[in-house]
N, C-alpha and C. Protein backbone atom coordinates (compact mmCIF):
# COMPACT_ATOMS: atom_id res chain seq x y z
N UNK A 1 -53.55 13.30 15.48
CA UNK A 1 -52.64 12.69 14.54
C UNK A 1 -51.22 12.79 15.10
N UNK A 2 -50.48 11.70 15.10
CA UNK A 2 -49.14 11.69 15.66
C UNK A 2 -48.12 12.17 14.64
N UNK A 3 -46.98 12.65 15.16
CA UNK A 3 -45.90 13.12 14.29
C UNK A 3 -45.26 11.94 13.57
N UNK A 4 -44.72 12.21 12.40
CA UNK A 4 -44.06 11.17 11.62
C UNK A 4 -42.78 10.72 12.32
N UNK A 5 -42.49 9.45 12.23
CA UNK A 5 -41.25 8.91 12.80
C UNK A 5 -40.11 9.28 11.87
N UNK A 6 -39.02 9.88 12.42
CA UNK A 6 -37.90 10.27 11.56
C UNK A 6 -37.31 9.07 10.83
N UNK A 7 -37.02 9.25 9.55
CA UNK A 7 -36.41 8.20 8.76
C UNK A 7 -34.93 8.06 9.14
N UNK A 8 -34.42 6.86 9.04
CA UNK A 8 -33.02 6.61 9.32
C UNK A 8 -32.21 7.21 8.17
N UNK A 9 -31.23 8.07 8.47
CA UNK A 9 -30.52 8.77 7.41
C UNK A 9 -29.54 7.90 6.61
N UNK A 10 -29.17 6.74 7.13
CA UNK A 10 -28.23 5.84 6.45
C UNK A 10 -28.37 4.47 7.08
N UNK A 11 -27.87 3.40 6.41
CA UNK A 11 -27.95 2.06 7.02
C UNK A 11 -27.17 2.02 8.33
N UNK A 12 -27.81 1.52 9.36
CA UNK A 12 -27.23 1.48 10.69
C UNK A 12 -26.73 0.07 11.00
N UNK A 13 -25.59 -0.02 11.69
CA UNK A 13 -25.06 -1.29 12.18
C UNK A 13 -24.91 -1.19 13.70
N UNK A 14 -24.86 -2.34 14.33
CA UNK A 14 -24.65 -2.44 15.77
C UNK A 14 -23.27 -3.05 16.01
N UNK A 15 -22.43 -2.32 16.71
CA UNK A 15 -21.10 -2.81 17.09
C UNK A 15 -21.16 -3.21 18.56
N UNK A 16 -20.69 -4.40 18.87
CA UNK A 16 -20.61 -4.86 20.26
C UNK A 16 -19.17 -5.19 20.60
N UNK A 17 -18.73 -4.68 21.74
CA UNK A 17 -17.39 -4.97 22.25
C UNK A 17 -17.56 -5.62 23.61
N UNK A 18 -17.01 -6.82 23.75
CA UNK A 18 -17.10 -7.57 24.99
C UNK A 18 -15.84 -7.34 25.81
N UNK A 19 -16.02 -7.05 27.08
CA UNK A 19 -14.89 -6.86 28.01
C UNK A 19 -15.41 -7.19 29.41
N UNK A 20 -14.66 -6.80 30.42
CA UNK A 20 -15.17 -6.97 31.78
C UNK A 20 -14.85 -5.75 32.61
N UNK A 21 -15.58 -5.60 33.68
CA UNK A 21 -15.48 -4.41 34.52
C UNK A 21 -14.11 -4.26 35.17
N UNK A 22 -13.42 -5.36 35.40
CA UNK A 22 -12.13 -5.33 36.06
C UNK A 22 -10.97 -5.06 35.10
N UNK A 23 -11.25 -4.87 33.81
CA UNK A 23 -10.20 -4.64 32.81
C UNK A 23 -9.73 -3.19 32.87
N UNK A 24 -8.42 -3.04 33.01
CA UNK A 24 -7.82 -1.71 33.06
C UNK A 24 -6.80 -1.55 31.95
N UNK A 25 -6.62 -0.31 31.50
CA UNK A 25 -5.54 0.07 30.61
C UNK A 25 -4.85 1.22 31.33
N UNK A 26 -3.69 0.94 31.89
CA UNK A 26 -3.06 1.91 32.79
C UNK A 26 -3.89 2.00 34.05
N UNK A 27 -4.28 3.20 34.42
CA UNK A 27 -5.07 3.37 35.63
C UNK A 27 -6.54 3.66 35.34
N UNK A 28 -6.97 3.40 34.09
CA UNK A 28 -8.36 3.66 33.70
C UNK A 28 -9.05 2.39 33.25
N UNK A 29 -10.34 2.33 33.49
CA UNK A 29 -11.13 1.16 33.08
C UNK A 29 -11.28 1.17 31.56
N UNK A 30 -11.14 -0.01 30.97
CA UNK A 30 -11.18 -0.16 29.52
C UNK A 30 -12.51 0.33 28.95
N UNK A 31 -13.62 -0.03 29.56
CA UNK A 31 -14.91 0.36 29.00
C UNK A 31 -15.09 1.87 28.98
N UNK A 32 -14.52 2.57 29.95
CA UNK A 32 -14.60 4.03 29.98
C UNK A 32 -13.78 4.63 28.85
N UNK A 33 -12.61 4.06 28.58
CA UNK A 33 -11.76 4.54 27.49
C UNK A 33 -12.47 4.33 26.15
N UNK A 34 -13.07 3.16 25.98
CA UNK A 34 -13.78 2.86 24.73
C UNK A 34 -14.91 3.88 24.52
N UNK A 35 -15.70 4.13 25.55
CA UNK A 35 -16.82 5.07 25.43
C UNK A 35 -16.32 6.49 25.15
N UNK A 36 -15.26 6.88 25.81
CA UNK A 36 -14.68 8.21 25.60
C UNK A 36 -14.15 8.37 24.17
N UNK A 37 -13.46 7.35 23.68
CA UNK A 37 -12.93 7.41 22.32
C UNK A 37 -14.06 7.43 21.29
N UNK A 38 -15.13 6.68 21.56
CA UNK A 38 -16.27 6.66 20.64
C UNK A 38 -16.91 8.05 20.55
N UNK A 39 -17.03 8.69 21.67
CA UNK A 39 -17.60 10.05 21.67
C UNK A 39 -16.71 11.00 20.89
N UNK A 40 -15.40 10.91 21.13
CA UNK A 40 -14.46 11.77 20.40
C UNK A 40 -14.48 11.50 18.90
N UNK A 41 -14.76 10.25 18.52
CA UNK A 41 -14.81 9.87 17.10
C UNK A 41 -16.13 10.24 16.45
N UNK A 42 -17.07 10.73 17.23
CA UNK A 42 -18.36 11.14 16.68
C UNK A 42 -19.33 10.01 16.43
N UNK A 43 -19.12 8.87 17.13
CA UNK A 43 -20.06 7.75 17.00
C UNK A 43 -21.43 8.22 17.51
N UNK A 44 -22.48 7.82 16.82
CA UNK A 44 -23.83 8.31 17.11
C UNK A 44 -24.29 8.04 18.53
N UNK A 45 -23.93 6.88 19.10
CA UNK A 45 -24.36 6.58 20.45
C UNK A 45 -23.65 5.37 21.02
N UNK A 46 -23.47 5.36 22.32
CA UNK A 46 -22.79 4.26 23.02
C UNK A 46 -23.57 3.94 24.29
N UNK A 47 -23.70 2.65 24.57
CA UNK A 47 -24.30 2.19 25.82
C UNK A 47 -23.43 1.08 26.37
N UNK A 48 -23.14 1.13 27.67
CA UNK A 48 -22.39 0.07 28.33
C UNK A 48 -23.38 -0.73 29.17
N UNK A 49 -23.43 -2.04 28.89
CA UNK A 49 -24.35 -2.93 29.58
C UNK A 49 -23.58 -3.86 30.50
N UNK A 50 -24.08 -4.05 31.70
CA UNK A 50 -23.46 -4.94 32.68
C UNK A 50 -24.23 -6.26 32.68
N UNK A 51 -23.50 -7.34 32.48
CA UNK A 51 -24.11 -8.67 32.48
C UNK A 51 -24.15 -9.22 33.90
N UNK A 52 -25.15 -10.00 34.20
CA UNK A 52 -25.23 -10.62 35.52
C UNK A 52 -24.16 -11.68 35.70
N UNK A 53 -23.97 -12.48 34.67
CA UNK A 53 -22.97 -13.55 34.68
C UNK A 53 -22.45 -13.70 33.27
N UNK A 54 -21.18 -14.04 33.13
CA UNK A 54 -20.64 -14.28 31.80
C UNK A 54 -19.33 -15.01 31.85
N UNK A 55 -19.02 -15.73 30.78
CA UNK A 55 -17.70 -16.33 30.62
C UNK A 55 -17.41 -16.38 29.14
N UNK A 56 -16.13 -16.48 28.82
CA UNK A 56 -15.74 -16.48 27.41
C UNK A 56 -14.81 -17.62 27.11
N UNK A 57 -13.67 -17.31 26.48
CA UNK A 57 -12.75 -18.35 26.03
C UNK A 57 -12.08 -19.09 27.18
N UNK A 58 -12.15 -18.54 28.40
CA UNK A 58 -11.67 -19.27 29.57
C UNK A 58 -12.90 -19.69 30.38
N UNK A 59 -12.71 -20.51 31.34
CA UNK A 59 -13.84 -20.95 32.14
C UNK A 59 -14.13 -20.00 33.31
N UNK A 60 -13.37 -18.89 33.40
CA UNK A 60 -13.57 -17.93 34.49
C UNK A 60 -14.96 -17.30 34.38
N UNK A 61 -15.74 -17.40 35.46
CA UNK A 61 -17.07 -16.80 35.51
C UNK A 61 -16.95 -15.38 36.01
N UNK A 62 -17.44 -14.43 35.23
CA UNK A 62 -17.48 -13.03 35.64
C UNK A 62 -18.83 -12.79 36.31
N UNK A 63 -18.78 -12.31 37.53
CA UNK A 63 -20.01 -11.98 38.24
C UNK A 63 -19.68 -11.00 39.35
N UNK A 64 -20.68 -10.36 39.87
CA UNK A 64 -20.47 -9.38 40.94
C UNK A 64 -20.19 -10.13 42.24
N UNK A 65 -19.09 -9.74 42.86
CA UNK A 65 -18.74 -10.27 44.18
C UNK A 65 -19.03 -9.22 45.23
N UNK A 66 -19.02 -9.61 46.47
CA UNK A 66 -19.32 -8.66 47.54
C UNK A 66 -18.33 -7.49 47.59
N UNK A 67 -17.05 -7.76 47.41
CA UNK A 67 -16.04 -6.72 47.56
C UNK A 67 -15.37 -6.32 46.26
N UNK A 68 -15.75 -6.92 45.16
CA UNK A 68 -15.05 -6.68 43.90
C UNK A 68 -16.04 -6.70 42.75
N UNK A 69 -15.82 -5.84 41.78
CA UNK A 69 -16.64 -5.85 40.58
C UNK A 69 -15.89 -6.59 39.48
N UNK A 70 -16.43 -7.71 39.07
CA UNK A 70 -15.81 -8.52 38.02
C UNK A 70 -16.90 -9.01 37.07
N UNK A 71 -17.77 -8.10 36.67
CA UNK A 71 -18.86 -8.50 35.80
C UNK A 71 -18.48 -8.33 34.33
N UNK A 72 -19.04 -9.18 33.51
CA UNK A 72 -18.88 -9.04 32.07
C UNK A 72 -19.61 -7.79 31.62
N UNK A 73 -19.04 -7.09 30.65
CA UNK A 73 -19.64 -5.87 30.11
C UNK A 73 -19.73 -5.98 28.60
N UNK A 74 -20.74 -5.34 28.05
CA UNK A 74 -20.87 -5.21 26.61
C UNK A 74 -21.02 -3.72 26.30
N UNK A 75 -20.16 -3.23 25.43
CA UNK A 75 -20.25 -1.85 24.97
C UNK A 75 -20.91 -1.89 23.60
N UNK A 76 -22.07 -1.26 23.48
CA UNK A 76 -22.83 -1.28 22.23
C UNK A 76 -22.81 0.11 21.59
N UNK A 77 -22.70 0.12 20.26
CA UNK A 77 -22.69 1.37 19.50
C UNK A 77 -23.54 1.22 18.25
N UNK A 78 -24.23 2.26 17.89
CA UNK A 78 -25.00 2.31 16.66
C UNK A 78 -24.47 3.41 15.77
N UNK A 79 -24.22 3.09 14.52
CA UNK A 79 -23.80 4.12 13.57
C UNK A 79 -23.63 3.48 12.19
N UNK A 80 -23.14 4.26 11.27
CA UNK A 80 -22.82 3.82 9.92
C UNK A 80 -21.68 2.81 9.97
N UNK A 81 -21.74 1.79 9.12
CA UNK A 81 -20.73 0.73 9.15
C UNK A 81 -19.31 1.25 8.96
N UNK A 82 -19.10 2.14 8.04
CA UNK A 82 -17.74 2.65 7.79
C UNK A 82 -17.19 3.36 9.02
N UNK A 83 -18.02 4.13 9.69
CA UNK A 83 -17.57 4.84 10.89
C UNK A 83 -17.22 3.85 12.00
N UNK A 84 -18.04 2.82 12.17
CA UNK A 84 -17.77 1.83 13.21
C UNK A 84 -16.51 1.04 12.92
N UNK A 85 -16.30 0.66 11.67
CA UNK A 85 -15.08 -0.08 11.31
C UNK A 85 -13.84 0.79 11.54
N UNK A 86 -13.92 2.05 11.19
CA UNK A 86 -12.80 2.96 11.43
C UNK A 86 -12.56 3.13 12.93
N UNK A 87 -13.63 3.20 13.70
CA UNK A 87 -13.48 3.34 15.15
C UNK A 87 -12.77 2.14 15.76
N UNK A 88 -13.10 0.94 15.33
CA UNK A 88 -12.46 -0.27 15.87
C UNK A 88 -10.94 -0.19 15.70
N UNK A 89 -10.48 0.41 14.63
CA UNK A 89 -9.04 0.54 14.40
C UNK A 89 -8.37 1.43 15.44
N UNK A 90 -9.12 2.28 16.12
CA UNK A 90 -8.55 3.14 17.16
C UNK A 90 -8.36 2.41 18.49
N UNK A 91 -8.78 1.15 18.54
CA UNK A 91 -8.72 0.39 19.79
C UNK A 91 -7.57 -0.61 19.83
N UNK A 92 -6.72 -0.63 18.82
CA UNK A 92 -5.69 -1.66 18.71
C UNK A 92 -4.70 -1.63 19.87
N UNK A 93 -4.57 -0.52 20.56
CA UNK A 93 -3.64 -0.43 21.68
C UNK A 93 -4.23 -0.94 22.99
N UNK A 94 -5.53 -1.20 23.03
CA UNK A 94 -6.18 -1.63 24.27
C UNK A 94 -6.08 -3.13 24.44
N UNK A 95 -5.69 -3.54 25.63
CA UNK A 95 -5.72 -4.95 26.00
C UNK A 95 -7.06 -5.24 26.67
N UNK A 96 -7.33 -6.47 26.91
CA UNK A 96 -8.51 -6.92 27.65
C UNK A 96 -9.83 -6.65 26.93
N UNK A 97 -9.76 -6.58 25.60
CA UNK A 97 -11.00 -6.54 24.83
C UNK A 97 -11.28 -7.96 24.38
N UNK A 98 -12.52 -8.36 24.49
CA UNK A 98 -12.92 -9.67 24.00
C UNK A 98 -13.34 -9.55 22.55
N UNK A 99 -14.26 -10.40 22.14
CA UNK A 99 -14.75 -10.32 20.76
C UNK A 99 -15.37 -8.96 20.45
N UNK A 100 -15.26 -8.56 19.20
CA UNK A 100 -15.92 -7.35 18.70
C UNK A 100 -16.76 -7.81 17.53
N UNK A 101 -18.05 -7.55 17.59
CA UNK A 101 -18.96 -7.99 16.53
C UNK A 101 -19.62 -6.79 15.86
N UNK A 102 -19.99 -6.97 14.60
CA UNK A 102 -20.70 -5.95 13.85
C UNK A 102 -21.91 -6.62 13.23
N UNK A 103 -23.08 -6.09 13.54
CA UNK A 103 -24.32 -6.75 13.12
C UNK A 103 -25.25 -5.78 12.41
N UNK A 104 -25.98 -6.30 11.47
CA UNK A 104 -27.05 -5.52 10.84
C UNK A 104 -28.22 -5.44 11.82
N UNK A 105 -28.84 -4.30 11.89
CA UNK A 105 -30.02 -4.13 12.73
C UNK A 105 -31.09 -3.40 11.94
N UNK A 106 -32.31 -3.62 12.32
CA UNK A 106 -33.42 -2.87 11.73
C UNK A 106 -33.77 -1.76 12.71
N UNK A 107 -33.54 -0.54 12.32
CA UNK A 107 -33.81 0.61 13.18
C UNK A 107 -35.21 1.12 12.87
N UNK A 108 -36.05 1.15 13.88
CA UNK A 108 -37.43 1.58 13.71
C UNK A 108 -37.62 3.06 14.00
N UNK A 109 -36.66 3.64 14.71
CA UNK A 109 -36.72 5.07 15.04
C UNK A 109 -35.29 5.57 15.16
N UNK A 110 -35.01 6.72 14.54
CA UNK A 110 -33.68 7.32 14.63
C UNK A 110 -33.88 8.80 14.93
N UNK A 111 -33.78 9.18 16.21
CA UNK A 111 -34.01 10.59 16.56
C UNK A 111 -32.89 11.49 16.01
N UNK A 112 -33.27 12.68 15.62
CA UNK A 112 -32.30 13.66 15.13
C UNK A 112 -31.86 14.52 16.30
N UNK A 113 -30.59 14.89 16.34
CA UNK A 113 -30.04 15.70 17.44
C UNK A 113 -30.78 17.00 17.60
N UNK A 114 -31.22 17.60 16.52
CA UNK A 114 -31.88 18.89 16.58
C UNK A 114 -33.22 18.84 17.32
N UNK A 115 -33.83 17.66 17.43
CA UNK A 115 -35.13 17.55 18.08
C UNK A 115 -35.00 17.46 19.60
N UNK A 116 -33.78 17.22 20.09
CA UNK A 116 -33.60 17.07 21.51
C UNK A 116 -34.00 15.69 22.02
N UNK A 117 -34.34 14.78 21.13
CA UNK A 117 -34.75 13.43 21.52
C UNK A 117 -33.55 12.63 21.98
N UNK A 118 -33.82 11.64 22.81
CA UNK A 118 -32.75 10.78 23.30
C UNK A 118 -32.62 9.57 22.43
């Protein structure tokens, strides 16, 4: 008999922040700052995804070049809606952020920190 799947403790939302790998704020990459701030804010989890190709409001194609990294990136976060909305307010000083979306998701498994699950 298998163990019960942990219930989701609260309604979960998915926050997506679009940016690109070449975006800097000062001498640091924007996606790294976003991930660092999310961790400091206690966001449940963050993943940075690299797109193969992407473009947005301009026709500039973001893609990996031989000598330069200019790929589109998506920073994804899962947590309670109120926490994610509050977190977005901490990003107002960052340039080079594209659209930020907040979506409802159906979470089928939510591991608890105490279990050591990822």
